[in-house]
Amino acid sequence: MQAGQFMIEINVQCPVFDSFRVQQVGGMFDVPILQKAEQHFCTESPPPLSDDWQIGMIVGPSGSGKSTIARHLYPNDIYSAGHWPDDKAVIDHLGTGSIKEAVSLLTAVGFSSPPSWIKPYHVLSNGEQFRCDLAKALSCDGLVVYDEFTSVVDRNVAKIGSAAIAKGIKGGKIKSRFVAVTCHYDVMDWLEPDALQLGRTWQAEKITESMFKRATGYEYEETKKIIDTGIGKDGKSSLKSTRIEKTIKHVAPDPTSAIFLLKNIMPGRFRDKWDIEHTGPHPIVIGPEYEMLLRAKEVAERDGNDLQADEDAT
């Protein structure tokens, strides 16, 4: 199921508190110091809740506005872990239903360790706590939006947990709708979302990654299928054999891509035009031309000294 056809645009602002260090950062990294910092996020609209979807996903790199978009779309459905008591086992703090329902929920999120169920939450590992939080979030019917999904666990645990959720929801053991908000693209194939949100920042990130590879050079593996032919022992029949040949190809760095990246990523150091104001009697040259000027001066002085030496010799 695809997202909607119109775009959602969100602007967020915060005040900038001026200080000496703030001014230093602005000068060192070419950051404009304004009264307010503003950021703009844009993404496609999600499918409406009235549509028949079960698992959704909002994915993008850090700082791309995933949490902002989730809070804007689902302000009342963001899951908060809340408090787990230190004097109770996790099995006693998981919903108000029967023991069978609690066990079914824990196994549905991939937490199939009865010895750990009878322990308090605070003594469990990060992976076990993550699964307990998932089970608690999915113990309620309705929509559950889980921010920072799989951010605190290793990638194997993340994939196993995602696959367990997908199986539990699509198999009917979990009654909730689930929206994962994450910066990890590797769980996408395991969670198998019906609806996917990819912000434009994500698209720009992929383009930047491709441009960086082009600017710095990269390698790729080329596979060829080669058919060899020959003559049989009888001198008439033909023989054919097939072999696969793999070659590592090297793509050289592209200077144009490197120039484009440097001009946009570090405009304070790499630019075509330098705006310099000077009010003295002598000209000043600053920027890429400076080293060329010094080099020309050295050559001129060297040639002049060589000429003077020749005149003295004669």
Protein backbone atom coordinates (compact mmCIF):
# COMPACT_ATOMS: atom_id res chain seq x y z
CA MET A 1 0.00 0.00 0.00
CA GLN A 2 1.44 3.33 -1.01
CA ALA A 3 1.33 6.66 0.79
CA GLY A 4 -1.00 9.42 -0.28
CA GLN A 5 -0.57 11.66 -3.30
CA PHE A 6 -0.17 15.01 -1.56
CA MET A 7 2.76 16.26 0.48
CA ILE A 8 2.94 17.17 4.16
CA GLU A 9 5.23 20.07 5.00
CA ILE A 10 6.30 20.87 8.56
CA ASN A 11 8.31 23.86 9.78
CA VAL A 12 9.90 23.82 13.24
CA GLN A 13 11.61 26.75 14.95
CA CYS A 14 13.62 27.38 18.08
CA PRO A 15 15.31 30.49 19.48
CA VAL A 16 19.07 30.97 19.13
CA PHE A 17 20.65 32.27 22.34
CA ASP A 18 23.58 34.45 21.40
CA SER A 19 26.91 33.97 23.17
CA PHE A 20 30.62 34.25 22.51
CA ARG A 21 30.91 30.57 21.66
CA VAL A 22 27.85 30.71 19.42
CA GLN A 23 29.53 33.55 17.50
CA GLN A 24 32.75 31.51 17.32
CA VAL A 25 30.88 28.55 15.82
CA GLY A 26 29.27 30.87 13.29
CA GLY A 27 32.66 32.24 12.26
CA MET A 28 34.47 28.91 12.17
CA PHE A 29 31.87 26.98 10.19
CA ASP A 30 30.12 29.70 8.17
CA VAL A 31 26.86 29.30 10.11
CA PRO A 32 24.52 32.30 9.93
CA ILE A 33 23.52 33.47 13.43
CA LEU A 34 19.84 34.45 13.38
CA GLN A 35 17.31 35.07 16.13
CA LYS A 36 15.59 31.78 15.31
CA ALA A 37 16.76 28.45 13.89
CA GLU A 38 14.31 26.99 11.41
CA GLN A 39 14.10 23.61 9.74
CA HIS A 40 11.74 22.36 7.07
CA PHE A 41 10.57 18.76 6.69
CA CYS A 42 8.57 17.33 3.82
CA THR A 43 7.10 13.88 3.21
CA GLU A 44 4.27 12.16 1.40
CA SER A 45 0.98 11.83 3.25
CA PRO A 46 0.40 8.40 4.83
CA PRO A 47 -2.54 6.19 3.91
CA PRO A 48 -5.62 6.98 6.02
CA LEU A 49 -6.40 4.85 9.07
CA SER A 50 -9.60 3.76 7.35
CA ASP A 51 -7.52 1.80 4.81
CA ASP A 52 -6.74 -1.87 5.37
CA TRP A 53 -3.11 -1.77 6.51
CA GLN A 54 -1.50 -3.28 9.61
CA ILE A 55 2.20 -2.30 9.72
CA GLY A 56 3.65 1.08 8.83
CA MET A 57 7.15 2.48 8.88
CA ILE A 58 8.67 5.97 8.99
CA VAL A 59 12.34 5.68 8.09
CA GLY A 60 15.11 8.18 7.44
CA PRO A 61 18.57 9.22 8.60
CA SER A 62 19.19 10.93 11.91
CA GLY A 63 17.94 14.51 11.88
CA SER A 64 15.59 14.00 8.93
CA GLY A 65 12.47 14.76 10.99
CA LYS A 66 11.09 11.26 11.58
CA SER A 67 9.95 11.95 15.15
CA THR A 68 8.58 15.37 14.19
CA ILE A 69 6.56 13.83 11.37
CA ALA A 70 5.31 11.02 13.64
CA ARG A 71 4.17 13.47 16.33
CA HIS A 72 2.45 15.57 13.67
CA LEU A 73 0.62 12.61 12.12
CA TYR A 74 -0.15 10.60 15.29
CA PRO A 75 0.01 12.97 18.28
CA ASN A 76 -1.99 10.69 20.61
CA ASP A 77 -0.52 7.33 19.62
CA ILE A 78 3.22 7.69 20.35
CA TYR A 79 4.24 4.93 22.77
CA SER A 80 6.01 5.94 25.97
CA ALA A 81 7.79 3.16 27.87
CA GLY A 82 6.68 4.42 31.26
CA HIS A 83 7.77 2.84 34.54
CA TRP A 84 8.60 -0.80 35.21
CA PRO A 85 8.61 -1.55 38.96
CA ASP A 86 11.79 -2.96 40.48
CA ASP A 87 9.88 -5.28 42.84
CA LYS A 88 7.78 -7.11 40.23
CA ALA A 89 8.52 -9.64 37.52
CA VAL A 90 7.88 -8.45 33.99
CA ILE A 91 5.17 -11.11 33.58
CA ASP A 92 3.21 -9.42 36.41
CA HIS A 93 3.38 -5.99 34.77
CA LEU A 94 2.21 -6.91 31.31
CA GLY A 95 -1.43 -6.07 30.79
CA THR A 96 -4.45 -7.18 32.81
CA GLY A 97 -5.39 -10.26 30.81
CA SER A 98 -4.76 -13.92 31.52
CA ILE A 99 -1.36 -15.58 31.80
CA LYS A 100 -1.92 -17.19 28.41
CA GLU A 101 -2.39 -13.77 26.82
CA ALA A 102 0.79 -12.44 28.46
CA VAL A 103 2.83 -15.47 27.36
CA SER A 104 1.41 -15.26 23.85
CA LEU A 105 2.35 -11.59 23.65
CA LEU A 106 5.92 -12.16 24.85
CA THR A 107 6.51 -15.01 22.42
CA ALA A 108 4.93 -12.99 19.62
CA VAL A 109 7.65 -10.32 19.96
CA GLY A 110 10.42 -12.93 20.06
CA PHE A 111 10.95 -13.03 23.83
CA SER A 112 10.68 -16.77 24.50
CA SER A 113 12.64 -17.14 27.74
CA PRO A 114 10.48 -18.09 30.76
CA PRO A 115 13.46 -17.75 33.19
CA SER A 116 13.69 -14.10 32.16
CA TRP A 117 9.93 -13.49 32.47
CA ILE A 118 10.11 -13.91 36.24
CA LYS A 119 12.87 -11.29 36.62
CA PRO A 120 12.40 -7.55 37.20
CA TYR A 121 12.76 -5.32 34.15
CA HIS A 122 15.89 -3.49 35.35
CA VAL A 123 18.07 -6.64 35.47
CA LEU A 124 17.32 -7.69 31.89
CA SER A 125 19.64 -7.07 28.96
CA ASN A 126 18.98 -4.25 26.49
CA GLY A 127 17.59 -6.74 23.97
CA GLU A 128 15.24 -8.29 26.55
CA GLN A 129 14.09 -4.86 27.75
CA PHE A 130 13.42 -3.85 24.16
CA ARG A 131 11.17 -6.87 23.65
CA CYS A 132 9.36 -6.25 26.94
CA ASP A 133 8.65 -2.68 25.84
CA LEU A 134 7.36 -3.97 22.53
CA ALA A 135 5.09 -6.49 24.26
CA LYS A 136 3.75 -3.81 26.59
CA ALA A 137 3.16 -1.40 23.70
CA LEU A 138 1.32 -4.04 21.68
CA SER A 139 -0.79 -5.24 24.62
CA CYS A 140 -3.35 -2.53 23.83
CA ASP A 141 -5.63 -2.60 20.84
CA GLY A 142 -5.53 0.25 18.35
CA LEU A 143 -2.63 2.12 16.78
CA VAL A 144 0.85 2.00 18.34
CA VAL A 145 3.60 4.33 17.07
CA TYR A 146 7.01 3.24 18.37
CA ASP A 147 9.75 5.90 18.10
CA GLU A 148 13.46 4.97 17.98
CA PHE A 149 12.50 1.43 16.99
CA THR A 150 15.50 -0.97 17.41
CA SER A 151 17.87 1.92 18.15
CA VAL A 152 19.27 0.44 21.39
CA VAL A 153 19.81 -3.18 20.30
CA ASP A 154 22.26 -4.94 18.02
CA ARG A 155 21.18 -5.55 14.47
CA ASN A 156 20.56 -9.30 14.84
CA VAL A 157 18.15 -8.69 17.74
CA ALA A 158 16.55 -5.89 15.71
CA LYS A 159 15.88 -8.18 12.75
CA ILE A 160 14.58 -11.05 14.90
CA GLY A 161 12.26 -8.70 16.80
CA SER A 162 10.98 -7.12 13.57
CA ALA A 163 10.25 -10.51 12.03
CA ALA A 164 8.45 -11.63 15.19
CA ILE A 165 6.24 -8.52 15.19
CA ALA A 166 5.37 -8.96 11.51
CA LYS A 167 4.46 -12.61 12.08
CA GLY A 168 2.43 -11.83 15.21
CA ILE A 169 0.42 -9.00 13.64
CA LYS A 170 -0.21 -10.65 10.28
CA GLY A 171 -0.95 -13.98 11.96
CA GLY A 172 -3.59 -12.41 14.22
CA LYS A 173 -1.83 -12.96 17.58
CA ILE A 174 -1.26 -9.20 17.97
CA LYS A 175 -4.37 -7.09 17.47
CA SER A 176 -2.65 -3.70 17.26
CA ARG A 177 -1.67 -1.66 14.26
CA PHE A 178 2.03 -0.83 14.44
CA VAL A 179 4.08 2.06 13.05
CA ALA A 180 7.86 1.83 13.51
CA VAL A 181 9.85 5.09 13.50
CA THR A 182 13.51 4.34 12.89
CA CYS A 183 16.75 5.34 11.18
CA HIS A 184 17.66 1.71 10.47
CA TYR A 185 16.83 0.58 6.95
CA ASP A 186 17.96 -3.00 7.62
CA VAL A 187 14.73 -3.92 9.46
CA MET A 188 12.55 -2.98 6.49
CA ASP A 189 12.73 -6.42 4.87
CA TRP A 190 12.01 -8.14 8.21
CA LEU A 191 9.15 -5.92 9.34
CA GLU A 192 7.52 -6.02 5.88
CA PRO A 193 5.50 -2.81 6.27
CA ASP A 194 2.30 -2.29 4.31
CA ALA A 195 2.79 1.48 4.34
CA LEU A 196 6.16 3.21 4.11
CA GLN A 197 7.09 6.85 4.71
CA LEU A 198 10.30 8.04 3.05
CA GLY A 199 10.99 11.73 3.55
CA ARG A 200 12.67 13.79 0.88
CA THR A 201 15.65 14.07 3.19
CA TRP A 202 16.13 10.31 2.73
CA GLN A 203 16.14 10.72 -1.04
CA ALA A 204 18.68 13.53 -0.79
CA GLU A 205 20.80 11.33 1.48
CA LYS A 206 20.91 8.53 -1.09
CA ILE A 207 21.84 10.99 -3.85
CA THR A 208 24.59 12.46 -1.65
CA GLU A 209 25.92 8.97 -0.95
CA SER A 210 26.07 8.20 -4.68
CA MET A 211 27.75 11.54 -5.38
CA PHE A 212 30.34 10.86 -2.67
CA LYS A 213 31.18 7.47 -4.22
CA ARG A 214 31.57 9.13 -7.61
CA ALA A 215 33.81 11.85 -6.16
CA THR A 216 36.12 9.48 -4.26
CA GLY A 217 36.08 6.48 -6.59
CA TYR A 218 34.70 3.04 -5.88
CA GLU A 219 34.88 -0.64 -6.80
CA TYR A 220 32.25 -3.05 -8.04
CA GLU A 221 32.15 -6.68 -9.11
CA GLU A 222 31.38 -7.45 -12.75
CA THR A 223 30.05 -10.92 -13.59
CA LYS A 224 30.29 -12.38 -17.10
CA LYS A 225 28.91 -15.62 -18.45
CA ILE A 226 31.40 -17.07 -20.94
CA ILE A 227 30.62 -19.98 -23.28
CA ASP A 228 33.66 -21.88 -24.58
CA THR A 229 33.30 -23.99 -27.72
CA GLY A 230 35.53 -26.76 -29.12
CA ILE A 231 35.67 -29.79 -31.42
CA GLY A 232 34.97 -33.30 -30.13
CA LYS A 233 37.36 -36.24 -30.42
CA ASP A 234 35.59 -37.46 -33.54
CA GLY A 235 36.44 -34.19 -35.23
CA LYS A 236 32.80 -33.43 -35.99
CA SER A 237 30.76 -32.78 -32.88
CA SER A 238 31.11 -29.47 -31.05
CA LEU A 239 31.60 -29.13 -27.32
CA LYS A 240 30.32 -26.28 -25.21
CA SER A 241 31.17 -25.36 -21.66
CA THR A 242 29.94 -22.45 -19.58
CA ARG A 243 31.93 -20.64 -16.95
CA ILE A 244 31.34 -17.57 -14.80
CA GLU A 245 34.06 -14.95 -14.71
CA LYS A 246 34.06 -12.34 -11.94
CA THR A 247 36.20 -9.22 -12.15
CA ILE A 248 36.70 -6.36 -9.71
CA LYS A 249 36.32 -3.10 -11.60
CA HIS A 250 37.78 0.19 -10.36
CA VAL A 251 36.07 3.51 -11.09
CA ALA A 252 38.41 6.49 -10.78
CA PRO A 253 37.39 9.56 -8.77
CA ASP A 254 35.49 12.17 -10.74
CA PRO A 255 36.92 15.71 -10.19
CA THR A 256 33.66 17.39 -11.22
CA SER A 257 31.71 15.50 -8.55
CA ALA A 258 34.39 16.32 -5.95
CA ILE A 259 34.23 20.03 -6.81
CA PHE A 260 30.44 20.02 -6.60
CA LEU A 261 30.45 18.32 -3.18
CA LEU A 262 33.13 20.58 -1.70
CA LYS A 263 31.41 23.75 -2.89
CA ASN A 264 28.13 22.70 -1.29
CA ILE A 265 29.38 20.98 1.87
CA MET A 266 32.15 23.47 2.73
CA PRO A 267 31.22 26.73 0.98
CA GLY A 268 33.38 28.73 3.41
CA ARG A 269 36.58 27.16 2.05
CA PHE A 270 35.71 26.14 -1.50
CA ARG A 271 34.05 28.70 -3.72
CA ASP A 272 34.57 30.32 -7.12
CA LYS A 273 33.98 33.88 -5.99
CA TRP A 274 35.51 35.59 -2.96
CA ASP A 275 33.91 38.80 -1.70
CA ILE A 276 36.72 40.88 -0.16
CA GLU A 277 36.48 44.47 1.05
CA HIS A 278 39.75 46.43 1.33
CA THR A 279 40.36 50.08 2.07
CA GLY A 280 44.20 50.31 2.07
CA PRO A 281 46.77 51.59 -0.46
CA HIS A 282 47.99 48.09 -1.37
CA PRO A 283 45.98 45.33 -3.07
CA ILE A 284 45.13 42.16 -1.14
CA VAL A 285 44.63 38.75 -2.69
CA ILE A 286 42.99 36.06 -0.53
CA GLY A 287 41.75 32.64 -1.55
CA PRO A 288 42.81 30.07 -4.13
CA GLU A 289 44.74 32.71 -6.11
CA TYR A 290 47.02 33.47 -3.16
CA GLU A 291 49.31 30.46 -3.60
CA MET A 292 49.54 31.14 -7.34
CA LEU A 293 50.62 34.72 -6.62
CA LEU A 294 53.29 33.56 -4.18
CA ARG A 295 54.57 31.03 -6.68
CA ALA A 296 54.74 33.65 -9.45
CA LYS A 297 56.61 35.99 -7.12
CA GLU A 298 59.15 33.28 -6.24
CA VAL A 299 59.74 32.52 -9.93
CA ALA A 300 60.17 36.21 -10.72
CA GLU A 301 62.64 36.71 -7.89
CA ARG A 302 64.59 33.60 -8.89
CA ASP A 303 64.76 34.69 -12.54
CA GLY A 304 65.82 38.15 -11.46
CA ASN A 305 68.59 36.81 -9.25
CA ASP A 306 69.81 34.52 -12.05
CA LEU A 307 69.89 37.48 -14.47
CA GLN A 308 71.83 39.64 -12.00
CA ALA A 309 74.33 36.82 -11.48
CA ASP A 310 74.87 36.53 -15.25
CA GLU A 311 75.49 40.29 -15.53
CA ASP A 312 77.99 40.19 -12.68
CA ALA A 313 79.79 37.28 -14.33
CA THR A 314 80.21 39.22 -17.57
